[in-house]
Amino acid sequence: MEEESQLTLREAWSSVIAPEDYELHMANVGQAQANADLMRELVCGGSSKVGQRLLFAGCGPGQFLEVASPDYLLPHRCVFTDLSRAFIEQVQTRAESIGLDFEALVDDVEDSQLEPGFDVIILVLVLEHTQWQRTLTEMIRLQCERLIIVIQRNPTEMATMVTPNRELPGTLKACAQGEKPRLLEPEELVSFLGERGFVERHREVRDVADGKAMIGFVFEEQG
């Protein structure tokens, strides 16, 4: 009898994980608030220009639009993309209720159908769930001036992205035996982008549950 094929991260995120389960987990571990605060700070700190085109790639269901005040996005044109149609429907509802100037699209960060031309691209806990080099190569192809990236740092003794023995909600639990995310070292990220003309301008750290931390980076294209 053949073994069942392992659920891939792509399959889990595109068609299995429910927005409400993801958001409950992120709130439980303190990452929803930490990431929303980081995103706000890093977007606001980089430029005072209005009318920028911002791409939130792999945006999830848009929990950050409710957890931290989204007023900083009102002067800009926002594009929200995700592999999950359920997530995109949720972020669209939230963005409409706030009155943002936006588009919300199903798109693949590893093989984007978007046309180049963004001022800022934001990736929050996306690289761990994709082929990260391919994802960054695609984002650079979109000709952004700045990259804002948030990754997760674990305690040295914790190799898995999800804390062992932490109870996962619903559909996240159903995906727990599938393909696992891969943690990314800051040095890998800085080196890869440096070789492609992006320099690290700023770094912020936010501690969260289970001894973990969220690390936010701002990279700018060298002109």
N, C-alpha and C. Protein backbone atom coordinates (compact mmCIF):
# COMPACT_ATOMS: atom_id res chain seq x y z
N MET A 1 0.84 -1.19 0.00
CA MET A 1 0.00 0.00 0.00
C MET A 1 0.88 1.26 0.00
N GLU A 2 0.60 2.17 -0.93
CA GLU A 2 1.40 3.38 -1.03
C GLU A 2 1.10 4.34 0.12
N GLU A 3 2.16 4.99 0.59
CA GLU A 3 1.97 6.01 1.62
C GLU A 3 1.32 7.25 1.00
N GLU A 4 0.50 7.92 1.81
CA GLU A 4 -0.09 9.17 1.35
C GLU A 4 1.01 10.20 1.14
N SER A 5 0.88 11.00 0.08
CA SER A 5 1.88 12.02 -0.15
C SER A 5 1.74 13.11 0.92
N GLN A 6 2.85 13.68 1.28
CA GLN A 6 2.88 14.70 2.33
C GLN A 6 2.27 16.00 1.82
N LEU A 7 1.45 16.62 2.65
CA LEU A 7 0.86 17.91 2.31
C LEU A 7 1.97 18.95 2.22
N THR A 8 2.05 19.64 1.09
CA THR A 8 3.09 20.65 0.92
C THR A 8 2.64 21.96 1.55
N LEU A 9 3.61 22.83 1.81
CA LEU A 9 3.27 24.15 2.33
C LEU A 9 2.39 24.92 1.35
N ARG A 10 2.67 24.78 0.09
CA ARG A 10 1.87 25.45 -0.94
C ARG A 10 0.42 24.99 -0.88
N GLU A 11 0.20 23.69 -0.76
CA GLU A 11 -1.16 23.16 -0.67
C GLU A 11 -1.86 23.62 0.61
N ALA A 12 -1.10 23.58 1.72
CA ALA A 12 -1.67 23.98 3.01
C ALA A 12 -2.15 25.43 2.97
N TRP A 13 -1.30 26.33 2.47
CA TRP A 13 -1.64 27.75 2.50
C TRP A 13 -2.66 28.13 1.44
N SER A 14 -2.66 27.44 0.31
CA SER A 14 -3.58 27.82 -0.77
C SER A 14 -4.99 27.30 -0.55
N SER A 15 -5.14 26.15 0.12
CA SER A 15 -6.47 25.53 0.12
C SER A 15 -6.90 24.87 1.42
N VAL A 16 -6.07 24.82 2.44
CA VAL A 16 -6.44 24.11 3.66
C VAL A 16 -6.61 25.05 4.86
N ILE A 17 -5.64 25.89 5.11
CA ILE A 17 -5.64 26.71 6.32
C ILE A 17 -6.73 27.78 6.25
N ALA A 18 -7.59 27.79 7.28
CA ALA A 18 -8.69 28.75 7.35
C ALA A 18 -8.21 30.05 7.99
N PRO A 19 -8.67 31.19 7.49
CA PRO A 19 -8.24 32.48 8.04
C PRO A 19 -8.44 32.59 9.55
N GLU A 20 -9.58 32.12 10.05
CA GLU A 20 -9.85 32.28 11.49
C GLU A 20 -8.90 31.45 12.35
N ASP A 21 -8.47 30.29 11.85
CA ASP A 21 -7.51 29.46 12.61
C ASP A 21 -6.13 30.11 12.62
N TYR A 22 -5.74 30.63 11.48
CA TYR A 22 -4.44 31.30 11.39
C TYR A 22 -4.40 32.52 12.32
N GLU A 23 -5.45 33.32 12.28
CA GLU A 23 -5.47 34.53 13.09
C GLU A 23 -5.50 34.22 14.59
N LEU A 24 -6.23 33.17 14.97
CA LEU A 24 -6.27 32.78 16.38
C LEU A 24 -4.88 32.37 16.85
N HIS A 25 -4.18 31.58 16.04
CA HIS A 25 -2.84 31.16 16.41
C HIS A 25 -1.90 32.35 16.54
N MET A 26 -1.93 33.26 15.57
CA MET A 26 -1.03 34.41 15.60
C MET A 26 -1.30 35.30 16.81
N ALA A 27 -2.57 35.43 17.18
CA ALA A 27 -2.90 36.21 18.38
C ALA A 27 -2.42 35.49 19.64
N ASN A 28 -2.59 34.18 19.68
CA ASN A 28 -2.20 33.40 20.86
C ASN A 28 -0.71 33.50 21.17
N VAL A 29 0.12 33.59 20.12
CA VAL A 29 1.57 33.62 20.32
C VAL A 29 2.14 35.04 20.30
N GLY A 30 1.27 36.04 20.21
CA GLY A 30 1.71 37.43 20.25
C GLY A 30 2.32 37.95 18.98
N GLN A 31 2.29 37.16 17.92
CA GLN A 31 2.94 37.59 16.68
C GLN A 31 2.07 38.53 15.86
N ALA A 32 0.77 38.44 16.01
CA ALA A 32 -0.11 39.34 15.26
C ALA A 32 0.19 40.80 15.62
N GLN A 33 0.22 41.10 16.91
CA GLN A 33 0.48 42.46 17.36
C GLN A 33 1.91 42.89 17.04
N ALA A 34 2.87 42.02 17.31
CA ALA A 34 4.28 42.36 17.07
C ALA A 34 4.52 42.66 15.60
N ASN A 35 3.98 41.84 14.72
CA ASN A 35 4.21 42.03 13.29
C ASN A 35 3.49 43.27 12.77
N ALA A 36 2.28 43.52 13.25
CA ALA A 36 1.55 44.71 12.82
C ALA A 36 2.28 45.98 13.26
N ASP A 37 2.80 45.98 14.48
CA ASP A 37 3.55 47.14 14.97
C ASP A 37 4.84 47.34 14.18
N LEU A 38 5.53 46.24 13.92
CA LEU A 38 6.77 46.32 13.13
C LEU A 38 6.49 46.87 11.74
N MET A 39 5.45 46.35 11.12
CA MET A 39 5.12 46.77 9.76
C MET A 39 4.83 48.27 9.73
N ARG A 40 4.02 48.73 10.67
CA ARG A 40 3.69 50.15 10.73
C ARG A 40 4.95 50.99 10.91
N GLU A 41 5.80 50.59 11.86
CA GLU A 41 7.00 51.37 12.15
C GLU A 41 7.94 51.41 10.96
N LEU A 42 8.13 50.27 10.31
CA LEU A 42 9.11 50.21 9.21
C LEU A 42 8.60 50.91 7.95
N VAL A 43 7.31 50.81 7.69
CA VAL A 43 6.75 51.52 6.53
C VAL A 43 6.82 53.03 6.77
N CYS A 44 6.44 53.47 7.95
CA CYS A 44 6.42 54.91 8.26
C CYS A 44 7.83 55.50 8.36
N GLY A 45 8.78 54.71 8.82
CA GLY A 45 10.11 55.24 9.06
C GLY A 45 10.96 55.42 7.84
N GLY A 46 10.59 54.79 6.73
CA GLY A 46 11.46 54.82 5.56
C GLY A 46 11.32 56.03 4.67
N SER A 47 10.12 56.62 4.62
CA SER A 47 9.91 57.72 3.68
C SER A 47 8.67 58.51 4.09
N SER A 48 8.72 59.82 3.84
CA SER A 48 7.57 60.67 4.13
C SER A 48 6.74 60.94 2.87
N LYS A 49 7.13 60.33 1.77
CA LYS A 49 6.41 60.54 0.51
C LYS A 49 4.99 59.99 0.61
N VAL A 50 4.04 60.67 -0.03
CA VAL A 50 2.68 60.15 -0.14
C VAL A 50 2.51 59.57 -1.54
N GLY A 51 1.45 58.77 -1.68
CA GLY A 51 1.15 58.21 -3.00
C GLY A 51 2.08 57.11 -3.43
N GLN A 52 2.73 56.45 -2.47
CA GLN A 52 3.60 55.33 -2.83
C GLN A 52 2.76 54.09 -3.17
N ARG A 53 3.34 53.22 -3.98
CA ARG A 53 2.69 51.95 -4.32
C ARG A 53 3.32 50.87 -3.45
N LEU A 54 2.53 50.31 -2.56
CA LEU A 54 3.01 49.33 -1.59
C LEU A 54 2.44 47.96 -1.93
N LEU A 55 3.32 46.96 -2.00
CA LEU A 55 2.89 45.58 -2.23
C LEU A 55 3.06 44.79 -0.95
N PHE A 56 1.95 44.28 -0.42
CA PHE A 56 1.97 43.36 0.71
C PHE A 56 1.85 41.95 0.13
N ALA A 57 2.99 41.32 -0.10
CA ALA A 57 3.04 40.03 -0.79
C ALA A 57 2.93 38.90 0.23
N GLY A 58 2.02 37.95 -0.03
CA GLY A 58 1.75 36.92 0.97
C GLY A 58 1.13 37.54 2.20
N CYS A 59 0.12 38.39 1.99
CA CYS A 59 -0.42 39.26 3.04
C CYS A 59 -1.24 38.55 4.08
N GLY A 60 -1.65 37.27 3.82
CA GLY A 60 -2.56 36.61 4.74
C GLY A 60 -3.93 37.26 4.70
N PRO A 61 -4.73 37.07 5.75
CA PRO A 61 -6.09 37.62 5.77
C PRO A 61 -6.17 39.08 6.20
N GLY A 62 -5.03 39.73 6.38
CA GLY A 62 -5.04 41.16 6.70
C GLY A 62 -5.31 41.47 8.16
N GLN A 63 -4.93 40.56 9.04
CA GLN A 63 -5.13 40.77 10.47
C GLN A 63 -4.47 42.06 10.94
N PHE A 64 -3.34 42.42 10.32
CA PHE A 64 -2.60 43.61 10.72
C PHE A 64 -3.40 44.89 10.51
N LEU A 65 -4.41 44.86 9.66
CA LEU A 65 -5.23 46.05 9.42
C LEU A 65 -6.15 46.37 10.60
N GLU A 66 -6.36 45.39 11.46
CA GLU A 66 -7.19 45.59 12.64
C GLU A 66 -6.38 45.66 13.92
N VAL A 67 -5.24 44.98 13.96
CA VAL A 67 -4.45 44.89 15.19
C VAL A 67 -3.72 46.20 15.48
N ALA A 68 -3.22 46.85 14.45
CA ALA A 68 -2.58 48.17 14.58
C ALA A 68 -3.31 49.14 13.68
N SER A 69 -3.35 50.41 14.08
CA SER A 69 -4.08 51.40 13.29
C SER A 69 -3.54 51.44 11.86
N PRO A 70 -4.42 51.31 10.86
CA PRO A 70 -3.96 51.31 9.46
C PRO A 70 -3.92 52.69 8.82
N ASP A 71 -4.02 53.76 9.63
CA ASP A 71 -4.10 55.10 9.06
C ASP A 71 -2.86 55.46 8.24
N TYR A 72 -1.72 54.84 8.54
CA TYR A 72 -0.49 55.13 7.80
C TYR A 72 -0.57 54.69 6.35
N LEU A 73 -1.55 53.83 6.03
CA LEU A 73 -1.69 53.35 4.66
C LEU A 73 -2.60 54.22 3.81
N LEU A 74 -3.37 55.08 4.44
CA LEU A 74 -4.37 55.87 3.71
C LEU A 74 -3.79 56.76 2.61
N PRO A 75 -2.56 57.31 2.77
CA PRO A 75 -2.03 58.16 1.69
C PRO A 75 -1.45 57.38 0.51
N HIS A 76 -1.49 56.05 0.57
CA HIS A 76 -0.78 55.24 -0.42
C HIS A 76 -1.73 54.33 -1.20
N ARG A 77 -1.19 53.77 -2.27
CA ARG A 77 -1.90 52.76 -3.06
C ARG A 77 -1.38 51.40 -2.63
N CYS A 78 -2.25 50.55 -2.09
CA CYS A 78 -1.84 49.24 -1.56
C CYS A 78 -2.26 48.11 -2.49
N VAL A 79 -1.38 47.17 -2.68
CA VAL A 79 -1.69 45.95 -3.41
C VAL A 79 -1.47 44.79 -2.45
N PHE A 80 -2.51 44.01 -2.20
CA PHE A 80 -2.45 42.85 -1.31
C PHE A 80 -2.52 41.58 -2.14
N THR A 81 -1.56 40.68 -1.95
CA THR A 81 -1.61 39.40 -2.67
C THR A 81 -1.40 38.24 -1.72
N ASP A 82 -1.99 37.12 -2.08
CA ASP A 82 -1.80 35.89 -1.33
C ASP A 82 -2.15 34.72 -2.22
N LEU A 83 -1.64 33.55 -1.86
CA LEU A 83 -1.94 32.33 -2.61
C LEU A 83 -3.35 31.82 -2.31
N SER A 84 -3.90 32.23 -1.16
CA SER A 84 -5.20 31.74 -0.70
C SER A 84 -6.32 32.71 -1.08
N ARG A 85 -7.30 32.21 -1.80
CA ARG A 85 -8.46 33.05 -2.15
C ARG A 85 -9.24 33.44 -0.90
N ALA A 86 -9.33 32.53 0.08
CA ALA A 86 -10.04 32.85 1.32
C ALA A 86 -9.37 34.00 2.06
N PHE A 87 -8.04 34.02 2.07
CA PHE A 87 -7.32 35.11 2.72
C PHE A 87 -7.56 36.43 1.98
N ILE A 88 -7.54 36.38 0.65
CA ILE A 88 -7.73 37.59 -0.15
C ILE A 88 -9.14 38.16 0.04
N GLU A 89 -10.13 37.30 0.14
CA GLU A 89 -11.49 37.79 0.38
C GLU A 89 -11.58 38.50 1.72
N GLN A 90 -10.87 37.96 2.72
CA GLN A 90 -10.88 38.57 4.05
C GLN A 90 -10.17 39.93 4.05
N VAL A 91 -9.01 40.00 3.43
CA VAL A 91 -8.27 41.26 3.41
C VAL A 91 -9.03 42.31 2.59
N GLN A 92 -9.73 41.88 1.55
CA GLN A 92 -10.51 42.81 0.75
C GLN A 92 -11.62 43.44 1.58
N THR A 93 -12.32 42.62 2.37
CA THR A 93 -13.39 43.14 3.23
C THR A 93 -12.83 44.16 4.22
N ARG A 94 -11.68 43.86 4.80
CA ARG A 94 -11.08 44.77 5.77
C ARG A 94 -10.61 46.07 5.12
N ALA A 95 -9.97 45.96 3.98
CA ALA A 95 -9.46 47.15 3.31
C ALA A 95 -10.59 48.06 2.86
N GLU A 96 -11.69 47.48 2.40
CA GLU A 96 -12.85 48.27 2.00
C GLU A 96 -13.45 49.01 3.19
N SER A 97 -13.53 48.35 4.34
CA SER A 97 -14.13 48.97 5.52
C SER A 97 -13.31 50.16 6.03
N ILE A 98 -12.01 50.14 5.75
CA ILE A 98 -11.11 51.21 6.20
C ILE A 98 -11.09 52.37 5.20
N GLY A 99 -11.45 52.06 3.95
CA GLY A 99 -11.42 53.09 2.91
C GLY A 99 -10.08 53.22 2.23
N LEU A 100 -9.31 52.12 2.18
CA LEU A 100 -8.01 52.16 1.52
C LEU A 100 -8.16 52.23 0.01
N ASP A 101 -7.18 52.80 -0.64
CA ASP A 101 -7.02 52.73 -2.09
C ASP A 101 -6.21 51.47 -2.35
N PHE A 102 -6.85 50.42 -2.89
CA PHE A 102 -6.16 49.12 -2.91
C PHE A 102 -6.65 48.22 -4.04
N GLU A 103 -5.84 47.18 -4.27
CA GLU A 103 -6.22 45.99 -5.03
C GLU A 103 -5.93 44.79 -4.16
N ALA A 104 -6.71 43.73 -4.30
CA ALA A 104 -6.47 42.48 -3.58
C ALA A 104 -6.55 41.34 -4.59
N LEU A 105 -5.45 40.61 -4.74
CA LEU A 105 -5.33 39.65 -5.83
C LEU A 105 -4.75 38.32 -5.34
N VAL A 106 -5.22 37.23 -5.92
CA VAL A 106 -4.55 35.94 -5.73
C VAL A 106 -3.30 35.94 -6.60
N ASP A 107 -2.15 35.69 -5.98
CA ASP A 107 -0.88 35.72 -6.72
C ASP A 107 0.13 34.87 -5.97
N ASP A 108 1.11 34.38 -6.69
CA ASP A 108 2.14 33.48 -6.16
C ASP A 108 3.45 34.24 -6.04
N VAL A 109 3.97 34.37 -4.83
CA VAL A 109 5.21 35.13 -4.63
C VAL A 109 6.40 34.49 -5.33
N GLU A 110 6.33 33.20 -5.62
CA GLU A 110 7.43 32.53 -6.30
C GLU A 110 7.33 32.64 -7.82
N ASP A 111 6.17 33.01 -8.31
CA ASP A 111 5.95 33.12 -9.76
C ASP A 111 4.86 34.17 -9.98
N SER A 112 5.18 35.41 -9.65
CA SER A 112 4.18 36.47 -9.65
C SER A 112 3.75 36.86 -11.05
N GLN A 113 2.47 37.17 -11.18
CA GLN A 113 1.92 37.67 -12.43
C GLN A 113 1.82 39.20 -12.44
N LEU A 114 2.32 39.84 -11.40
CA LEU A 114 2.26 41.30 -11.31
C LEU A 114 3.28 41.94 -12.25
N GLU A 115 2.96 43.16 -12.66
CA GLU A 115 3.89 43.94 -13.46
C GLU A 115 4.81 44.73 -12.54
N PRO A 116 6.05 44.98 -12.96
CA PRO A 116 6.98 45.74 -12.13
C PRO A 116 6.48 47.15 -11.84
N GLY A 117 7.04 47.73 -10.75
CA GLY A 117 6.74 49.11 -10.44
C GLY A 117 6.15 49.33 -9.06
N PHE A 118 6.92 49.05 -8.01
CA PHE A 118 6.48 49.28 -6.64
C PHE A 118 7.53 50.10 -5.91
N ASP A 119 7.06 50.98 -5.04
CA ASP A 119 7.99 51.72 -4.19
C ASP A 119 8.51 50.85 -3.05
N VAL A 120 7.60 50.09 -2.44
CA VAL A 120 7.94 49.25 -1.29
C VAL A 120 7.25 47.90 -1.43
N ILE A 121 7.98 46.83 -1.12
CA ILE A 121 7.40 45.49 -1.04
C ILE A 121 7.59 44.98 0.37
N ILE A 122 6.51 44.48 0.97
CA ILE A 122 6.51 44.01 2.35
C ILE A 122 6.26 42.51 2.38
N LEU A 123 7.14 41.77 3.05
CA LEU A 123 7.03 40.32 3.21
C LEU A 123 7.14 39.99 4.70
N VAL A 124 6.05 39.54 5.29
CA VAL A 124 6.03 39.23 6.72
C VAL A 124 5.80 37.73 6.91
N LEU A 125 6.81 37.04 7.44
CA LEU A 125 6.76 35.59 7.66
C LEU A 125 6.32 34.84 6.39
N VAL A 126 6.84 35.28 5.27
CA VAL A 126 6.56 34.64 3.99
C VAL A 126 7.72 33.75 3.56
N LEU A 127 8.94 34.21 3.76
CA LEU A 127 10.11 33.49 3.23
C LEU A 127 10.26 32.11 3.84
N GLU A 128 9.85 31.96 5.09
CA GLU A 128 9.98 30.65 5.76
C GLU A 128 9.09 29.59 5.13
N HIS A 129 8.06 30.01 4.42
CA HIS A 129 7.07 29.08 3.88
C HIS A 129 7.21 28.89 2.37
N THR A 130 8.24 29.46 1.79
CA THR A 130 8.44 29.37 0.34
C THR A 130 9.89 29.00 0.04
N GLN A 131 10.20 28.83 -1.23
CA GLN A 131 11.59 28.76 -1.65
C GLN A 131 12.09 30.21 -1.62
N TRP A 132 12.73 30.58 -0.53
CA TRP A 132 12.92 31.99 -0.24
C TRP A 132 13.80 32.71 -1.27
N GLN A 133 14.79 32.01 -1.81
CA GLN A 133 15.63 32.67 -2.83
C GLN A 133 14.80 33.01 -4.08
N ARG A 134 13.93 32.08 -4.44
CA ARG A 134 13.08 32.30 -5.62
C ARG A 134 12.09 33.44 -5.35
N THR A 135 11.54 33.46 -4.14
CA THR A 135 10.62 34.53 -3.78
C THR A 135 11.28 35.89 -3.86
N LEU A 136 12.47 36.02 -3.29
CA LEU A 136 13.16 37.30 -3.31
C LEU A 136 13.56 37.71 -4.73
N THR A 137 13.94 36.74 -5.53
CA THR A 137 14.28 37.02 -6.93
C THR A 137 13.06 37.60 -7.66
N GLU A 138 11.89 37.02 -7.38
CA GLU A 138 10.65 37.53 -7.99
C GLU A 138 10.34 38.94 -7.50
N MET A 139 10.52 39.18 -6.21
CA MET A 139 10.23 40.51 -5.67
C MET A 139 11.18 41.56 -6.25
N ILE A 140 12.43 41.21 -6.42
CA ILE A 140 13.39 42.14 -7.02
C ILE A 140 13.01 42.43 -8.48
N ARG A 141 12.50 41.43 -9.16
CA ARG A 141 12.04 41.63 -10.55
C ARG A 141 10.95 42.69 -10.64
N LEU A 142 10.20 42.87 -9.56
CA LEU A 142 9.11 43.85 -9.56
C LEU A 142 9.61 45.28 -9.34
N GLN A 143 10.93 45.44 -9.28
CA GLN A 143 11.59 46.76 -9.34
C GLN A 143 11.15 47.69 -8.21
N CYS A 144 11.29 47.20 -6.97
CA CYS A 144 10.98 48.04 -5.82
C CYS A 144 12.22 48.83 -5.39
N GLU A 145 11.99 49.93 -4.68
CA GLU A 145 13.08 50.70 -4.12
C GLU A 145 13.45 50.19 -2.72
N ARG A 146 12.44 49.70 -2.00
CA ARG A 146 12.67 49.20 -0.64
C ARG A 146 11.99 47.86 -0.44
N LEU A 147 12.64 47.02 0.34
CA LEU A 147 12.07 45.75 0.78
C LEU A 147 11.96 45.79 2.30
N ILE A 148 10.77 45.53 2.81
CA ILE A 148 10.56 45.38 4.24
C ILE A 148 10.25 43.91 4.50
N ILE A 149 11.08 43.30 5.32
CA ILE A 149 10.98 41.85 5.54
C ILE A 149 10.97 41.56 7.02
N VAL A 150 10.04 40.70 7.44
CA VAL A 150 9.99 40.24 8.83
C VAL A 150 10.18 38.73 8.84
N ILE A 151 11.16 38.27 9.63
CA ILE A 151 11.40 36.84 9.80
C ILE A 151 11.32 36.49 11.28
N GLN A 152 11.30 35.21 11.56
CA GLN A 152 11.19 34.73 12.94
C GLN A 152 12.53 34.19 13.42
N ARG A 153 12.88 34.56 14.67
CA ARG A 153 14.07 33.98 15.31
C ARG A 153 13.62 33.15 16.51
N ASN A 154 14.11 31.93 16.57
CA ASN A 154 13.79 31.00 17.66
C ASN A 154 14.90 30.95 18.70
N PRO A 155 14.58 30.47 19.90
CA PRO A 155 15.65 30.12 20.83
C PRO A 155 16.57 29.08 20.20
N THR A 156 17.82 29.07 20.57
CA THR A 156 18.81 28.20 19.91
C THR A 156 18.44 26.72 20.00
N GLU A 157 17.73 26.33 21.05
CA GLU A 157 17.41 24.91 21.21
C GLU A 157 16.14 24.50 20.47
N MET A 158 15.45 25.44 19.83
CA MET A 158 14.18 25.14 19.16
C MET A 158 14.37 25.20 17.65
N ALA A 159 14.36 24.03 17.02
CA ALA A 159 14.66 23.95 15.59
C ALA A 159 13.42 24.19 14.72
N THR A 160 12.23 23.90 15.23
CA THR A 160 11.02 24.01 14.43
C THR A 160 10.40 25.39 14.56
N MET A 161 9.74 25.84 13.50
CA MET A 161 9.14 27.17 13.52
C MET A 161 8.01 27.24 14.55
N VAL A 162 7.17 26.20 14.58
CA VAL A 162 6.08 26.13 15.56
C VAL A 162 6.61 25.50 16.84
N THR A 163 6.30 26.10 17.97
CA THR A 163 6.77 25.59 19.25
C THR A 163 6.26 24.18 19.49
N PRO A 164 7.16 23.21 19.80
CA PRO A 164 6.71 21.85 20.10
C PRO A 164 5.69 21.85 21.24
N ASN A 165 4.67 21.02 21.09
CA ASN A 165 3.61 20.83 22.10
C ASN A 165 2.65 22.01 22.23
N ARG A 166 2.81 23.04 21.42
CA ARG A 166 1.80 24.12 21.45
C ARG A 166 0.57 23.65 20.68
N GLU A 167 -0.59 23.83 21.28
CA GLU A 167 -1.84 23.41 20.65
C GLU A 167 -2.18 24.33 19.48
N LEU A 168 -2.40 23.72 18.32
CA LEU A 168 -2.72 24.50 17.12
C LEU A 168 -4.22 24.45 16.84
N PRO A 169 -4.80 25.56 16.39
CA PRO A 169 -6.23 25.56 16.08
C PRO A 169 -6.55 24.81 14.79
N GLY A 170 -7.64 24.06 14.81
CA GLY A 170 -8.30 23.49 13.64
C GLY A 170 -7.45 23.09 12.46
N THR A 171 -7.55 23.87 11.39
CA THR A 171 -6.89 23.52 10.13
C THR A 171 -5.37 23.60 10.23
N LEU A 172 -4.84 24.39 11.15
CA LEU A 172 -3.39 24.40 11.34
C LEU A 172 -2.92 23.07 11.90
N LYS A 173 -3.70 22.51 12.80
CA LYS A 173 -3.36 21.19 13.35
C LYS A 173 -3.38 20.14 12.24
N ALA A 174 -4.34 20.25 11.34
CA ALA A 174 -4.45 19.28 10.24
C ALA A 174 -3.23 19.33 9.32
N CYS A 175 -2.54 20.46 9.30
CA CYS A 175 -1.36 20.61 8.44
C CYS A 175 -0.05 20.29 9.15
N ALA A 176 -0.13 19.99 10.44
CA ALA A 176 1.08 19.88 11.26
C ALA A 176 2.00 18.75 10.82
N GLN A 177 1.45 17.72 10.20
CA GLN A 177 2.28 16.59 9.78
C GLN A 177 2.80 16.74 8.35
N GLY A 178 2.48 17.84 7.72
CA GLY A 178 2.94 18.06 6.36
C GLY A 178 4.32 18.69 6.30
N GLU A 179 4.64 19.26 5.15
CA GLU A 179 5.93 19.91 4.95
C GLU A 179 6.11 21.03 5.96
N LYS A 180 7.30 21.15 6.52
CA LYS A 180 7.56 22.12 7.58
C LYS A 180 8.21 23.39 7.01
N PRO A 181 7.85 24.55 7.60
CA PRO A 181 8.55 25.78 7.22
C PRO A 181 10.02 25.70 7.62
N ARG A 182 10.85 26.53 6.97
CA ARG A 182 12.27 26.57 7.26
C ARG A 182 12.66 27.94 7.78
N LEU A 183 13.22 27.96 8.98
CA LEU A 183 13.69 29.22 9.55
C LEU A 183 14.87 29.76 8.73
N LEU A 184 14.93 31.06 8.65
CA LEU A 184 15.94 31.74 7.85
C LEU A 184 16.86 32.53 8.76
N GLU A 185 18.16 32.41 8.57
CA GLU A 185 19.12 33.16 9.37
C GLU A 185 19.27 34.58 8.80
N PRO A 186 19.36 35.59 9.66
CA PRO A 186 19.53 36.96 9.16
C PRO A 186 20.71 37.10 8.21
N GLU A 187 21.82 36.40 8.50
CA GLU A 187 23.01 36.51 7.66
C GLU A 187 22.74 36.01 6.24
N GLU A 188 21.91 34.96 6.11
CA GLU A 188 21.55 34.46 4.79
C GLU A 188 20.82 35.54 4.00
N LEU A 189 19.88 36.18 4.66
CA LEU A 189 19.06 37.20 4.02
C LEU A 189 19.90 38.40 3.60
N VAL A 190 20.71 38.91 4.50
CA VAL A 190 21.53 40.08 4.22
C VAL A 190 22.51 39.79 3.09
N SER A 191 23.12 38.61 3.11
CA SER A 191 24.09 38.25 2.07
C SER A 191 23.42 38.12 0.71
N PHE A 192 22.29 37.43 0.66
CA PHE A 192 21.60 37.20 -0.61
C PHE A 192 21.18 38.52 -1.25
N LEU A 193 20.59 39.40 -0.45
CA LEU A 193 20.13 40.67 -1.00
C LEU A 193 21.30 41.61 -1.31
N GLY A 194 22.36 41.53 -0.51
CA GLY A 194 23.53 42.35 -0.78
C GLY A 194 24.15 42.03 -2.13
N GLU A 195 24.16 40.76 -2.48
CA GLU A 195 24.71 40.35 -3.77
C GLU A 195 23.85 40.84 -4.94
N ARG A 196 22.63 41.24 -4.62
CA ARG A 196 21.69 41.70 -5.67
C ARG A 196 21.39 43.19 -5.57
N GLY A 197 22.26 43.90 -4.88
CA GLY A 197 22.18 45.35 -4.90
C GLY A 197 21.32 46.00 -3.85
N PHE A 198 20.93 45.23 -2.81
CA PHE A 198 20.12 45.80 -1.74
C PHE A 198 20.93 45.81 -0.45
N VAL A 199 20.94 46.96 0.22
CA VAL A 199 21.71 47.10 1.44
C VAL A 199 20.75 47.24 2.63
N GLU A 200 21.12 46.64 3.76
CA GLU A 200 20.31 46.76 4.96
C GLU A 200 20.45 48.16 5.55
N ARG A 201 19.31 48.83 5.74
CA ARG A 201 19.30 50.19 6.29
C ARG A 201 18.85 50.23 7.74
N HIS A 202 18.05 49.26 8.13
CA HIS A 202 17.48 49.31 9.48
C HIS A 202 17.06 47.91 9.91
N ARG A 203 17.11 47.68 11.24
CA ARG A 203 16.68 46.40 11.79
C ARG A 203 16.02 46.65 13.14
N GLU A 204 14.86 46.01 13.35
CA GLU A 204 14.13 46.11 14.62
C GLU A 204 13.77 44.71 15.09
N VAL A 205 13.74 44.52 16.40
CA VAL A 205 13.42 43.21 16.98
C VAL A 205 12.26 43.37 17.97
N ARG A 206 11.30 42.43 17.93
CA ARG A 206 10.21 42.39 18.88
C ARG A 206 10.14 40.99 19.49
N ASP A 207 10.25 40.91 20.79
CA ASP A 207 10.12 39.63 21.48
C ASP A 207 8.66 39.20 21.52
N VAL A 208 8.44 37.88 21.34
CA VAL A 208 7.09 37.32 21.40
C VAL A 208 7.12 36.07 22.28
N ALA A 209 6.04 35.31 22.28
CA ALA A 209 5.91 34.15 23.17
C ALA A 209 6.94 33.07 22.86
N ASP A 210 7.16 32.21 23.85
CA ASP A 210 8.00 31.01 23.73
C ASP A 210 9.46 31.32 23.45
N GLY A 211 9.93 32.49 23.87
CA GLY A 211 11.33 32.86 23.69
C GLY A 211 11.70 33.23 22.28
N LYS A 212 10.71 33.45 21.42
CA LYS A 212 10.97 33.79 20.02
C LYS A 212 11.02 35.31 19.85
N ALA A 213 11.44 35.72 18.67
CA ALA A 213 11.44 37.14 18.34
C ALA A 213 11.12 37.32 16.87
N MET A 214 10.50 38.44 16.54
CA MET A 214 10.28 38.85 15.17
C MET A 214 11.36 39.88 14.82
N ILE A 215 12.03 39.67 13.71
CA ILE A 215 13.07 40.60 13.27
C ILE A 215 12.61 41.28 11.99
N GLY A 216 12.51 42.60 12.04
CA GLY A 216 12.10 43.37 10.87
C GLY A 216 13.28 44.08 10.24
N PHE A 217 13.39 43.99 8.94
CA PHE A 217 14.49 44.59 8.18
C PHE A 217 13.95 45.59 7.16
N VAL A 218 14.71 46.63 6.92
CA VAL A 218 14.48 47.50 5.78
C VAL A 218 15.72 47.42 4.89
N PHE A 219 15.51 47.01 3.65
CA PHE A 219 16.57 46.98 2.64
C PHE A 219 16.24 48.01 1.57
N GLU A 220 17.27 48.70 1.11
CA GLU A 220 17.08 49.68 0.03
C GLU A 220 18.01 49.36 -1.13
N GLU A 221 17.50 49.60 -2.32
CA GLU A 221 18.31 49.40 -3.52
C GLU A 221 19.40 50.45 -3.56
N GLN A 222 20.62 50.00 -3.81
CA GLN A 222 21.73 50.93 -3.91
C GLN A 222 21.65 51.66 -5.24
N GLY A 223 21.63 52.99 -5.15
CA GLY A 223 21.51 53.79 -6.38
C GLY A 223 22.82 54.41 -6.76
